[in-house]
N, C-alpha and C. Protein backbone atom coordinates (compact mmCIF):
# COMPACT_ATOMS: atom_id res chain seq x y z
N MET A 1 19.48 127.44 -55.88
CA MET A 1 18.14 127.33 -56.42
C MET A 1 18.24 126.96 -57.89
N ALA A 2 17.54 125.93 -58.29
CA ALA A 2 17.57 125.46 -59.67
C ALA A 2 16.69 126.34 -60.53
N MET A 3 17.19 126.60 -61.73
CA MET A 3 16.41 127.40 -62.66
C MET A 3 15.87 126.48 -63.74
N ALA A 4 14.59 126.52 -63.94
CA ALA A 4 13.97 125.65 -64.94
C ALA A 4 14.14 126.26 -66.32
N LEU A 5 14.42 125.41 -67.26
CA LEU A 5 14.54 125.84 -68.64
C LEU A 5 13.28 125.42 -69.37
N THR A 6 12.48 126.41 -69.76
CA THR A 6 11.24 126.11 -70.47
C THR A 6 11.27 126.79 -71.83
N PHE A 7 10.69 126.13 -72.80
CA PHE A 7 10.63 126.68 -74.15
C PHE A 7 9.28 126.32 -74.73
N ASN A 8 8.50 127.35 -75.02
CA ASN A 8 7.17 127.17 -75.58
C ASN A 8 7.30 127.22 -77.10
N SER A 9 7.30 126.07 -77.73
CA SER A 9 7.54 126.01 -79.18
C SER A 9 6.40 126.65 -79.98
N ARG A 10 5.17 126.49 -79.52
CA ARG A 10 4.04 127.11 -80.24
C ARG A 10 4.16 128.62 -80.22
N GLU A 11 4.48 129.16 -79.05
CA GLU A 11 4.64 130.60 -78.91
C GLU A 11 5.81 131.11 -79.77
N ALA A 12 6.89 130.34 -79.80
CA ALA A 12 8.05 130.74 -80.59
C ALA A 12 7.72 130.77 -82.08
N VAL A 13 6.99 129.75 -82.56
CA VAL A 13 6.59 129.73 -83.97
C VAL A 13 5.71 130.94 -84.28
N GLN A 14 4.77 131.25 -83.41
CA GLN A 14 3.88 132.39 -83.63
C GLN A 14 4.65 133.70 -83.68
N LYS A 15 5.63 133.85 -82.80
CA LYS A 15 6.46 135.07 -82.80
C LYS A 15 7.22 135.20 -84.12
N LEU A 16 7.81 134.08 -84.57
CA LEU A 16 8.57 134.12 -85.83
C LEU A 16 7.66 134.40 -87.01
N LEU A 17 6.46 133.82 -87.01
CA LEU A 17 5.51 134.10 -88.08
C LEU A 17 5.07 135.56 -88.04
N GLY A 18 4.91 136.09 -86.84
CA GLY A 18 4.52 137.49 -86.68
C GLY A 18 5.59 138.45 -87.17
N ARG A 19 6.81 137.99 -87.21
CA ARG A 19 7.91 138.84 -87.70
C ARG A 19 8.16 138.63 -89.19
N GLY A 20 7.28 137.87 -89.82
CA GLY A 20 7.35 137.75 -91.26
C GLY A 20 8.08 136.53 -91.79
N LEU A 21 8.50 135.63 -90.95
CA LEU A 21 9.16 134.43 -91.45
C LEU A 21 8.12 133.49 -92.02
N PRO A 22 8.47 132.80 -93.09
CA PRO A 22 7.55 131.80 -93.62
C PRO A 22 7.43 130.63 -92.62
N GLU A 23 6.31 129.95 -92.64
CA GLU A 23 6.06 128.88 -91.68
C GLU A 23 7.13 127.78 -91.68
N PRO A 24 7.59 127.31 -92.87
CA PRO A 24 8.64 126.27 -92.84
C PRO A 24 9.91 126.75 -92.15
N ALA A 25 10.27 128.02 -92.35
CA ALA A 25 11.48 128.56 -91.70
C ALA A 25 11.28 128.66 -90.19
N ALA A 26 10.10 129.14 -89.78
CA ALA A 26 9.80 129.27 -88.35
C ALA A 26 9.83 127.90 -87.69
N ASP A 27 9.20 126.92 -88.34
CA ASP A 27 9.20 125.56 -87.78
C ASP A 27 10.62 125.00 -87.67
N GLY A 28 11.44 125.25 -88.69
CA GLY A 28 12.82 124.77 -88.68
C GLY A 28 13.64 125.40 -87.57
N ILE A 29 13.48 126.69 -87.38
CA ILE A 29 14.23 127.37 -86.31
C ILE A 29 13.82 126.83 -84.94
N VAL A 30 12.52 126.68 -84.73
CA VAL A 30 12.04 126.17 -83.45
C VAL A 30 12.54 124.74 -83.22
N GLU A 31 12.55 123.95 -84.26
CA GLU A 31 13.04 122.57 -84.14
C GLU A 31 14.50 122.55 -83.72
N VAL A 32 15.31 123.41 -84.33
CA VAL A 32 16.74 123.49 -83.98
C VAL A 32 16.91 123.90 -82.52
N VAL A 33 16.13 124.89 -82.09
CA VAL A 33 16.23 125.35 -80.70
C VAL A 33 15.81 124.23 -79.74
N GLU A 34 14.74 123.51 -80.07
CA GLU A 34 14.30 122.41 -79.21
C GLU A 34 15.38 121.33 -79.10
N GLU A 35 16.01 120.99 -80.21
CA GLU A 35 17.06 119.98 -80.18
C GLU A 35 18.26 120.45 -79.36
N ALA A 36 18.58 121.72 -79.47
CA ALA A 36 19.72 122.26 -78.74
C ALA A 36 19.45 122.30 -77.24
N THR A 37 18.21 122.57 -76.85
CA THR A 37 17.91 122.68 -75.43
C THR A 37 17.59 121.34 -74.79
N ASN A 38 17.39 120.29 -75.57
CA ASN A 38 17.12 118.97 -75.00
C ASN A 38 18.31 118.44 -74.21
N SER A 39 19.51 118.82 -74.58
CA SER A 39 20.70 118.28 -73.92
C SER A 39 21.32 119.27 -72.94
N VAL A 40 20.58 120.30 -72.56
CA VAL A 40 21.10 121.27 -71.60
C VAL A 40 21.18 120.61 -70.23
N VAL A 41 22.30 120.80 -69.57
CA VAL A 41 22.50 120.23 -68.24
C VAL A 41 22.10 121.28 -67.22
N THR A 42 21.19 120.89 -66.34
CA THR A 42 20.74 121.81 -65.30
C THR A 42 21.51 121.55 -64.01
N SER A 43 21.39 122.48 -63.10
CA SER A 43 22.08 122.32 -61.81
C SER A 43 21.52 121.11 -61.06
N ASP A 44 20.24 120.79 -61.24
CA ASP A 44 19.67 119.60 -60.60
C ASP A 44 20.32 118.33 -61.13
N ILE A 45 20.55 118.28 -62.43
CA ILE A 45 21.21 117.11 -63.03
C ILE A 45 22.64 116.99 -62.50
N LEU A 46 23.33 118.14 -62.43
CA LEU A 46 24.71 118.11 -61.91
C LEU A 46 24.74 117.67 -60.45
N ARG A 47 23.80 118.15 -59.64
CA ARG A 47 23.75 117.73 -58.23
C ARG A 47 23.51 116.23 -58.13
N ALA A 48 22.60 115.72 -58.94
CA ALA A 48 22.31 114.29 -58.91
C ALA A 48 23.55 113.48 -59.29
N GLU A 49 24.24 113.91 -60.32
CA GLU A 49 25.47 113.22 -60.75
C GLU A 49 26.54 113.31 -59.67
N LEU A 50 26.65 114.48 -59.03
CA LEU A 50 27.62 114.65 -57.96
C LEU A 50 27.32 113.71 -56.80
N ASN A 51 26.05 113.54 -56.47
CA ASN A 51 25.66 112.62 -55.41
C ASN A 51 26.03 111.18 -55.76
N VAL A 52 25.86 110.81 -57.03
CA VAL A 52 26.24 109.46 -57.48
C VAL A 52 27.75 109.28 -57.33
N VAL A 53 28.51 110.27 -57.76
CA VAL A 53 29.97 110.19 -57.67
C VAL A 53 30.40 110.11 -56.20
N ARG A 54 29.76 110.91 -55.35
CA ARG A 54 30.11 110.86 -53.91
C ARG A 54 29.83 109.48 -53.33
N ALA A 55 28.71 108.90 -53.69
CA ALA A 55 28.37 107.56 -53.19
C ALA A 55 29.37 106.53 -53.69
N GLU A 56 29.77 106.63 -54.96
CA GLU A 56 30.75 105.70 -55.50
C GLU A 56 32.10 105.87 -54.82
N MET A 57 32.49 107.11 -54.54
CA MET A 57 33.75 107.36 -53.85
C MET A 57 33.71 106.81 -52.42
N ALA A 58 32.58 106.96 -51.74
CA ALA A 58 32.45 106.43 -50.38
C ALA A 58 32.57 104.91 -50.39
N ALA A 59 31.94 104.28 -51.37
CA ALA A 59 32.04 102.82 -51.48
C ALA A 59 33.48 102.41 -51.78
N PHE A 60 34.14 103.14 -52.65
CA PHE A 60 35.53 102.85 -52.97
C PHE A 60 36.42 102.97 -51.74
N ARG A 61 36.23 104.06 -50.97
CA ARG A 61 37.03 104.26 -49.76
C ARG A 61 36.80 103.11 -48.77
N SER A 62 35.56 102.72 -48.63
CA SER A 62 35.23 101.63 -47.71
C SER A 62 35.90 100.32 -48.15
N ASP A 63 35.80 100.02 -49.44
CA ASP A 63 36.45 98.81 -49.97
C ASP A 63 37.97 98.89 -49.81
N PHE A 64 38.52 100.07 -50.07
CA PHE A 64 39.97 100.25 -49.97
C PHE A 64 40.43 100.04 -48.54
N ARG A 65 39.69 100.61 -47.59
CA ARG A 65 40.07 100.45 -46.18
C ARG A 65 40.00 98.99 -45.76
N ALA A 66 38.97 98.28 -46.21
CA ALA A 66 38.85 96.86 -45.89
C ALA A 66 40.02 96.08 -46.48
N ASP A 67 40.36 96.38 -47.73
CA ASP A 67 41.50 95.71 -48.36
C ASP A 67 42.81 96.03 -47.63
N LEU A 68 42.95 97.27 -47.18
CA LEU A 68 44.16 97.67 -46.47
C LEU A 68 44.25 96.96 -45.12
N ARG A 69 43.13 96.83 -44.41
CA ARG A 69 43.13 96.09 -43.14
C ARG A 69 43.54 94.64 -43.37
N GLU A 70 43.01 94.03 -44.43
CA GLU A 70 43.35 92.65 -44.75
C GLU A 70 44.84 92.51 -45.08
N LEU A 71 45.35 93.45 -45.84
CA LEU A 71 46.77 93.43 -46.21
C LEU A 71 47.65 93.57 -44.97
N ARG A 72 47.26 94.47 -44.06
CA ARG A 72 48.04 94.63 -42.82
C ARG A 72 48.03 93.34 -42.01
N ALA A 73 46.87 92.71 -41.90
CA ALA A 73 46.77 91.46 -41.14
C ALA A 73 47.66 90.39 -41.75
N GLU A 74 47.67 90.29 -43.08
CA GLU A 74 48.52 89.31 -43.74
C GLU A 74 50.00 89.63 -43.51
N PHE A 75 50.33 90.90 -43.52
CA PHE A 75 51.72 91.31 -43.27
C PHE A 75 52.15 90.92 -41.86
N TYR A 76 51.28 91.19 -40.88
CA TYR A 76 51.62 90.83 -39.50
C TYR A 76 51.75 89.32 -39.33
N ARG A 77 50.86 88.55 -39.95
CA ARG A 77 50.97 87.08 -39.88
C ARG A 77 52.30 86.61 -40.49
N ALA A 78 52.64 87.17 -41.63
CA ALA A 78 53.90 86.79 -42.29
C ALA A 78 55.09 87.19 -41.43
N SER A 79 55.02 88.34 -40.79
CA SER A 79 56.12 88.79 -39.91
C SER A 79 56.28 87.87 -38.72
N LEU A 80 55.14 87.45 -38.14
CA LEU A 80 55.21 86.53 -37.00
C LEU A 80 55.81 85.19 -37.41
N ILE A 81 55.40 84.69 -38.57
CA ILE A 81 55.95 83.42 -39.06
C ILE A 81 57.44 83.54 -39.30
N GLN A 82 57.86 84.63 -39.96
CA GLN A 82 59.28 84.82 -40.23
C GLN A 82 60.07 84.98 -38.93
N GLY A 83 59.46 85.72 -38.00
CA GLY A 83 60.13 85.89 -36.69
C GLY A 83 60.29 84.56 -35.99
N GLY A 84 59.25 83.74 -36.05
CA GLY A 84 59.32 82.42 -35.42
C GLY A 84 60.38 81.55 -36.07
N VAL A 85 60.47 81.61 -37.39
CA VAL A 85 61.49 80.83 -38.10
C VAL A 85 62.88 81.30 -37.72
N ILE A 86 63.07 82.59 -37.64
CA ILE A 86 64.40 83.14 -37.29
C ILE A 86 64.77 82.73 -35.87
N ILE A 87 63.81 82.86 -34.94
CA ILE A 87 64.09 82.48 -33.55
C ILE A 87 64.39 80.98 -33.47
N GLY A 88 63.62 80.18 -34.19
CA GLY A 88 63.87 78.74 -34.22
C GLY A 88 65.24 78.41 -34.76
N ALA A 89 65.66 79.13 -35.81
CA ALA A 89 66.98 78.90 -36.38
C ALA A 89 68.08 79.29 -35.39
N VAL A 90 67.89 80.40 -34.70
CA VAL A 90 68.89 80.84 -33.73
C VAL A 90 68.99 79.82 -32.58
N VAL A 91 67.83 79.36 -32.10
CA VAL A 91 67.83 78.36 -31.02
C VAL A 91 68.53 77.09 -31.49
N ALA A 92 68.27 76.65 -32.70
CA ALA A 92 68.91 75.44 -33.22
C ALA A 92 70.41 75.62 -33.33
N LEU A 93 70.86 76.80 -33.76
CA LEU A 93 72.30 77.06 -33.86
C LEU A 93 72.94 77.09 -32.48
N VAL A 94 72.25 77.67 -31.51
CA VAL A 94 72.81 77.74 -30.15
C VAL A 94 72.95 76.35 -29.58
N LYS A 95 72.00 75.47 -29.85
CA LYS A 95 72.08 74.08 -29.36
C LYS A 95 73.23 73.32 -29.99
N LEU A 96 73.53 73.67 -31.25
CA LEU A 96 74.63 73.00 -31.93
C LEU A 96 75.99 73.42 -31.37
N LEU A 97 76.05 74.60 -30.85
CA LEU A 97 77.35 75.11 -30.35
C LEU A 97 77.65 74.62 -29.01
């Protein structure tokens, strides 16, 4: 369950003023707190980022598997060609003997 981070700046200023802080100091403190909480990462943000990473990894795996299938096919083609050349060479040598 995601927990929402809320900060009521007006209420915070009033509380600080009620405790005897001068208005410029109260405003400054609230401003600092607002700036600090603007970059807080929530569990919802982390889940969204995790989903993006999972999707990118799935795409990578898919591309990798396709590349691996292509590489295997090229290897088998090259093996067949080399095998044919070797058999052809052996047959030619046998005919010469």
